[in-house]
Amino acid sequence: ETKNVGIVGLAGSGLTFIVVALGFLRDEGISPASGVALTVASLLMALSLLAAVWSFMPATSMPRWMRLHAGDPRPDDNLFYFGHAAKYAPRHLAEAVARRYERQPAPAVSELHHDLAAQLVVNARITLQKLKLFRWAVLLFAGGALLSAAGMLSVLLT
């Protein structure tokens, strides 16, 4: 969550900077290319801010997260790594843990094991989704920062 706070601060500051700069530059006269670059940059910053803030939304709907498909399990998966655990259905994860770590050929998976595996799978899938939103926020911010730099450079050179 801390890194998401960082991107919220960066995107919010970047958006504010671009909007204020556009206000000042509009009075001075700005080339169409610079105006388009800065306008698109502000939209990218706004989308970055939206994605970063969206990642803070509480994820409380267990059935929704259980429907999310995160890939297919593999025999060499690390069953404690969230990126791998997210691929499993809870019962299959509990059985895989019992087979691998308890060396049970026909694992006896209790309701406790199933519930614990379900919680682990849900948290793993939530983590994957939040990281995906963070990745989009960073990419949108980077695009906005590059476009705003190009737009400002264009203003300075004309």
C-alpha atoms as a PDB file:
ATOM      1  CA  GLU A   1       0.000   0.000   0.000  1.00  0.00           C
ATOM      2  CA  THR A   2       2.913   2.363   0.670  1.00  0.00           C
ATOM      3  CA  LYS A   3       4.055   2.393  -2.927  1.00  0.00           C
ATOM      4  CA  ASN A   4       0.494   3.164  -4.001  1.00  0.00           C
ATOM      5  CA  VAL A   5       0.521   6.199  -1.702  1.00  0.00           C
ATOM      6  CA  GLY A   6       3.703   7.279  -3.486  1.00  0.00           C
ATOM      7  CA  ILE A   7       2.168   7.035  -6.946  1.00  0.00           C
ATOM      8  CA  VAL A   8      -0.957   8.866  -5.720  1.00  0.00           C
ATOM      9  CA  GLY A   9       1.284  11.704  -4.528  1.00  0.00           C
ATOM     10  CA  LEU A  10       3.330  11.765  -7.723  1.00  0.00           C
ATOM     11  CA  ALA A  11       0.350  11.569 -10.072  1.00  0.00           C
ATOM     12  CA  GLY A  12      -1.609  14.163  -8.083  1.00  0.00           C
ATOM     13  CA  SER A  13       1.357  16.540  -8.027  1.00  0.00           C
ATOM     14  CA  GLY A  14       2.080  15.952 -11.711  1.00  0.00           C
ATOM     15  CA  LEU A  15      -1.535  16.584 -12.649  1.00  0.00           C
ATOM     16  CA  THR A  16      -1.607  19.779 -10.588  1.00  0.00           C
ATOM     17  CA  PHE A  17       1.643  20.982 -12.164  1.00  0.00           C
ATOM     18  CA  ILE A  18       0.407  20.375 -15.707  1.00  0.00           C
ATOM     19  CA  VAL A  19      -2.981  22.011 -15.135  1.00  0.00           C
ATOM     20  CA  VAL A  20      -1.377  25.088 -13.535  1.00  0.00           C
ATOM     21  CA  ALA A  21       1.228  25.256 -16.319  1.00  0.00           C
ATOM     22  CA  LEU A  22      -1.490  25.027 -18.966  1.00  0.00           C
ATOM     23  CA  GLY A  23      -3.345  27.894 -17.300  1.00  0.00           C
ATOM     24  CA  PHE A  24      -0.274  30.140 -17.361  1.00  0.00           C
ATOM     25  CA  LEU A  25       0.839  29.092 -20.833  1.00  0.00           C
ATOM     26  CA  ARG A  26      -2.594  29.591 -22.371  1.00  0.00           C
ATOM     27  CA  ASP A  27      -2.343  33.310 -21.532  1.00  0.00           C
ATOM     28  CA  GLU A  28       1.125  33.503 -23.102  1.00  0.00           C
ATOM     29  CA  GLY A  29       0.180  31.587 -26.215  1.00  0.00           C
ATOM     30  CA  ILE A  30       1.042  27.965 -26.719  1.00  0.00           C
ATOM     31  CA  SER A  31       1.606  25.965 -29.884  1.00  0.00           C
ATOM     32  CA  PRO A  32      -1.045  23.400 -30.771  1.00  0.00           C
ATOM     33  CA  ALA A  33       1.487  20.546 -30.465  1.00  0.00           C
ATOM     34  CA  SER A  34       2.489  21.645 -26.962  1.00  0.00           C
ATOM     35  CA  GLY A  35      -1.141  22.065 -25.971  1.00  0.00           C
ATOM     36  CA  VAL A  36      -2.037  18.573 -27.176  1.00  0.00           C
ATOM     37  CA  ALA A  37       1.003  17.023 -25.462  1.00  0.00           C
ATOM     38  CA  LEU A  38       0.209  18.718 -22.157  1.00  0.00           C
ATOM     39  CA  THR A  39      -3.502  17.926 -22.384  1.00  0.00           C
ATOM     40  CA  VAL A  40      -2.845  14.236 -23.081  1.00  0.00           C
ATOM     41  CA  ALA A  41      -0.219  14.240 -20.301  1.00  0.00           C
ATOM     42  CA  SER A  42      -2.808  15.591 -17.869  1.00  0.00           C
ATOM     43  CA  LEU A  43      -5.264  12.859 -18.921  1.00  0.00           C
ATOM     44  CA  LEU A  44      -2.594  10.185 -18.381  1.00  0.00           C
ATOM     45  CA  MET A  45      -1.807  11.628 -14.948  1.00  0.00           C
ATOM     46  CA  ALA A  46      -5.515  11.645 -14.066  1.00  0.00           C
ATOM     47  CA  LEU A  47      -5.867   7.999 -15.159  1.00  0.00           C
ATOM     48  CA  SER A  48      -2.755   7.104 -13.156  1.00  0.00           C
ATOM     49  CA  LEU A  49      -4.238   8.786 -10.103  1.00  0.00           C
ATOM     50  CA  LEU A  50      -7.542   6.970 -10.630  1.00  0.00           C
ATOM     51  CA  ALA A  51      -5.842   3.549 -10.958  1.00  0.00           C
ATOM     52  CA  ALA A  52      -3.721   4.162  -7.854  1.00  0.00           C
ATOM     53  CA  VAL A  53      -6.693   5.284  -5.763  1.00  0.00           C
ATOM     54  CA  TRP A  54      -8.793   2.368  -7.076  1.00  0.00           C
ATOM     55  CA  SER A  55      -6.178  -0.044  -5.736  1.00  0.00           C
ATOM     56  CA  PHE A  56      -7.052   1.137  -2.207  1.00  0.00           C
ATOM     57  CA  MET A  57     -10.660  -0.016  -2.539  1.00  0.00           C
ATOM     58  CA  PRO A  58     -11.409  -2.786  -0.034  1.00  0.00           C
ATOM     59  CA  ALA A  59     -11.757  -6.207  -1.633  1.00  0.00           C
ATOM     60  CA  THR A  60     -14.397  -7.987   0.418  1.00  0.00           C
ATOM     61  CA  SER A  61     -16.385 -10.090  -2.051  1.00  0.00           C
ATOM     62  CA  MET A  62     -14.990 -13.597  -1.691  1.00  0.00           C
ATOM     63  CA  PRO A  63     -17.143 -15.143  -4.464  1.00  0.00           C
ATOM     64  CA  ARG A  64     -15.861 -12.548  -6.948  1.00  0.00           C
ATOM     65  CA  TRP A  65     -12.233 -13.351  -6.168  1.00  0.00           C
ATOM     66  CA  MET A  66     -12.871 -17.085  -6.354  1.00  0.00           C
ATOM     67  CA  ARG A  67     -14.038 -16.704  -9.972  1.00  0.00           C
ATOM     68  CA  LEU A  68     -10.853 -14.906 -11.048  1.00  0.00           C
ATOM     69  CA  HIS A  69      -8.578 -17.145 -13.130  1.00  0.00           C
ATOM     70  CA  ALA A  70      -4.891 -16.468 -12.492  1.00  0.00           C
ATOM     71  CA  GLY A  71      -3.403 -19.180 -14.679  1.00  0.00           C
ATOM     72  CA  ASP A  72      -2.947 -22.914 -14.563  1.00  0.00           C
ATOM     73  CA  PRO A  73      -1.153 -24.699 -11.713  1.00  0.00           C
ATOM     74  CA  ARG A  74       2.198 -26.326 -12.464  1.00  0.00           C
ATOM     75  CA  PRO A  75       3.988 -29.146 -10.640  1.00  0.00           C
ATOM     76  CA  ASP A  76       6.928 -26.870  -9.773  1.00  0.00           C
ATOM     77  CA  ASP A  77       4.791 -24.082  -8.242  1.00  0.00           C
ATOM     78  CA  ASN A  78       5.896 -22.689  -4.884  1.00  0.00           C
ATOM     79  CA  LEU A  79       2.691 -23.238  -2.941  1.00  0.00           C
ATOM     80  CA  PHE A  80       3.472 -20.409  -0.514  1.00  0.00           C
ATOM     81  CA  TYR A  81       4.198 -17.753  -3.178  1.00  0.00           C
ATOM     82  CA  PHE A  82       1.105 -15.631  -3.805  1.00  0.00           C
ATOM     83  CA  GLY A  83       1.611 -15.575  -7.575  1.00  0.00           C
ATOM     84  CA  HIS A  84       1.527 -19.364  -7.695  1.00  0.00           C
ATOM     85  CA  ALA A  85      -1.097 -19.905  -4.972  1.00  0.00           C
ATOM     86  CA  ALA A  86      -3.513 -17.643  -6.868  1.00  0.00           C
ATOM     87  CA  LYS A  87      -3.700 -20.233  -9.659  1.00  0.00           C
ATOM     88  CA  TYR A  88      -5.265 -22.911  -7.470  1.00  0.00           C
ATOM     89  CA  ALA A  89      -8.789 -23.687  -6.400  1.00  0.00           C
ATOM     90  CA  PRO A  90      -8.784 -23.877  -2.578  1.00  0.00           C
ATOM     91  CA  ARG A  91      -9.346 -27.635  -2.370  1.00  0.00           C
ATOM     92  CA  HIS A  92      -6.635 -28.300  -4.975  1.00  0.00           C
ATOM     93  CA  LEU A  93      -4.196 -26.070  -3.085  1.00  0.00           C
ATOM     94  CA  ALA A  94      -4.909 -27.860   0.207  1.00  0.00           C
ATOM     95  CA  GLU A  95      -4.420 -31.228  -1.499  1.00  0.00           C
ATOM     96  CA  ALA A  96      -1.202 -30.104  -3.216  1.00  0.00           C
ATOM     97  CA  VAL A  97       0.214 -28.860   0.116  1.00  0.00           C
ATOM     98  CA  ALA A  98      -0.683 -32.156   1.814  1.00  0.00           C
ATOM     99  CA  ARG A  99       0.869 -34.207  -0.994  1.00  0.00           C
ATOM    100  CA  ARG A 100       4.064 -32.167  -1.212  1.00  0.00           C
ATOM    101  CA  TYR A 101       4.817 -31.270   2.391  1.00  0.00           C
ATOM    102  CA  GLU A 102       3.096 -34.011   4.372  1.00  0.00           C
ATOM    103  CA  ARG A 103       3.942 -36.728   1.818  1.00  0.00           C
ATOM    104  CA  GLN A 104       0.399 -38.068   1.807  1.00  0.00           C
ATOM    105  CA  PRO A 105      -0.421 -39.893  -1.457  1.00  0.00           C
ATOM    106  CA  ALA A 106      -4.168 -39.608  -0.790  1.00  0.00           C
ATOM    107  CA  PRO A 107      -4.366 -36.391   1.228  1.00  0.00           C
ATOM    108  CA  ALA A 108      -7.037 -36.070   3.871  1.00  0.00           C
ATOM    109  CA  VAL A 109      -8.128 -32.457   3.536  1.00  0.00           C
ATOM    110  CA  SER A 110     -10.360 -31.262   6.342  1.00  0.00           C
ATOM    111  CA  GLU A 111     -12.720 -28.309   6.323  1.00  0.00           C
ATOM    112  CA  LEU A 112     -10.063 -26.367   8.246  1.00  0.00           C
ATOM    113  CA  HIS A 113      -7.516 -26.992   5.488  1.00  0.00           C
ATOM    114  CA  HIS A 114     -10.025 -26.004   2.831  1.00  0.00           C
ATOM    115  CA  ASP A 115     -10.994 -22.762   4.599  1.00  0.00           C
ATOM    116  CA  LEU A 116      -7.362 -21.842   5.190  1.00  0.00           C
ATOM    117  CA  ALA A 117      -6.517 -22.545   1.539  1.00  0.00           C
ATOM    118  CA  ALA A 118      -9.532 -20.486   0.412  1.00  0.00           C
ATOM    119  CA  GLN A 119      -8.317 -17.507   2.434  1.00  0.00           C
ATOM    120  CA  LEU A 120      -4.809 -17.886   1.036  1.00  0.00           C
ATOM    121  CA  VAL A 121      -6.104 -18.093  -2.552  1.00  0.00           C
ATOM    122  CA  VAL A 122      -8.375 -15.060  -2.117  1.00  0.00           C
ATOM    123  CA  ASN A 123      -5.578 -12.962  -0.602  1.00  0.00           C
ATOM    124  CA  ALA A 124      -3.206 -14.052  -3.368  1.00  0.00           C
ATOM    125  CA  ARG A 125      -5.687 -13.028  -6.060  1.00  0.00           C
ATOM    126  CA  ILE A 126      -6.381  -9.698  -4.365  1.00  0.00           C
ATOM    127  CA  THR A 127      -2.632  -9.055  -4.215  1.00  0.00           C
ATOM    128  CA  LEU A 128      -2.266  -9.837  -7.923  1.00  0.00           C
ATOM    129  CA  GLN A 129      -5.095  -7.431  -8.780  1.00  0.00           C
ATOM    130  CA  LYS A 130      -3.679  -4.632  -6.627  1.00  0.00           C
ATOM    131  CA  LEU A 131      -0.237  -5.084  -8.184  1.00  0.00           C
ATOM    132  CA  LYS A 132      -1.787  -4.970 -11.661  1.00  0.00           C
ATOM    133  CA  LEU A 133      -3.493  -1.669 -10.809  1.00  0.00           C
ATOM    134  CA  PHE A 134      -0.220  -0.318  -9.409  1.00  0.00           C
ATOM    135  CA  ARG A 135       1.625  -1.352 -12.581  1.00  0.00           C
ATOM    136  CA  TRP A 136      -0.950   0.486 -14.714  1.00  0.00           C
ATOM    137  CA  ALA A 137      -0.714   3.547 -12.468  1.00  0.00           C
ATOM    138  CA  VAL A 138       3.080   3.627 -12.845  1.00  0.00           C
ATOM    139  CA  LEU A 139       2.946   3.159 -16.630  1.00  0.00           C
ATOM    140  CA  LEU A 140       0.318   5.878 -17.030  1.00  0.00           C
ATOM    141  CA  PHE A 141       2.323   8.190 -14.774  1.00  0.00           C
ATOM    142  CA  ALA A 142       5.501   7.536 -16.778  1.00  0.00           C
ATOM    143  CA  GLY A 143       3.670   8.285 -20.030  1.00  0.00           C
ATOM    144  CA  GLY A 144       2.232  11.475 -18.562  1.00  0.00           C
ATOM    145  CA  ALA A 145       5.612  12.565 -17.218  1.00  0.00           C
ATOM    146  CA  LEU A 146       7.338  11.974 -20.564  1.00  0.00           C
ATOM    147  CA  LEU A 147       4.615  13.771 -22.503  1.00  0.00           C
ATOM    148  CA  SER A 148       4.590  16.701 -20.099  1.00  0.00           C
ATOM    149  CA  ALA A 149       8.381  16.973 -20.377  1.00  0.00           C
ATOM    150  CA  ALA A 150       8.121  16.907 -24.184  1.00  0.00           C
ATOM    151  CA  GLY A 151       5.333  19.498 -24.106  1.00  0.00           C
ATOM    152  CA  MET A 152       7.285  21.811 -21.793  1.00  0.00           C
ATOM    153  CA  LEU A 153      10.426  21.393 -23.878  1.00  0.00           C
ATOM    154  CA  SER A 154       8.409  22.303 -26.958  1.00  0.00           C
ATOM    155  CA  VAL A 155       7.151  25.436 -25.185  1.00  0.00           C
ATOM    156  CA  LEU A 156      10.688  26.434 -24.218  1.00  0.00           C
ATOM    157  CA  LEU A 157      12.053  25.896 -27.724  1.00  0.00           C
ATOM    158  CA  THR A 158       9.344  27.912 -29.511  1.00  0.00           C
END
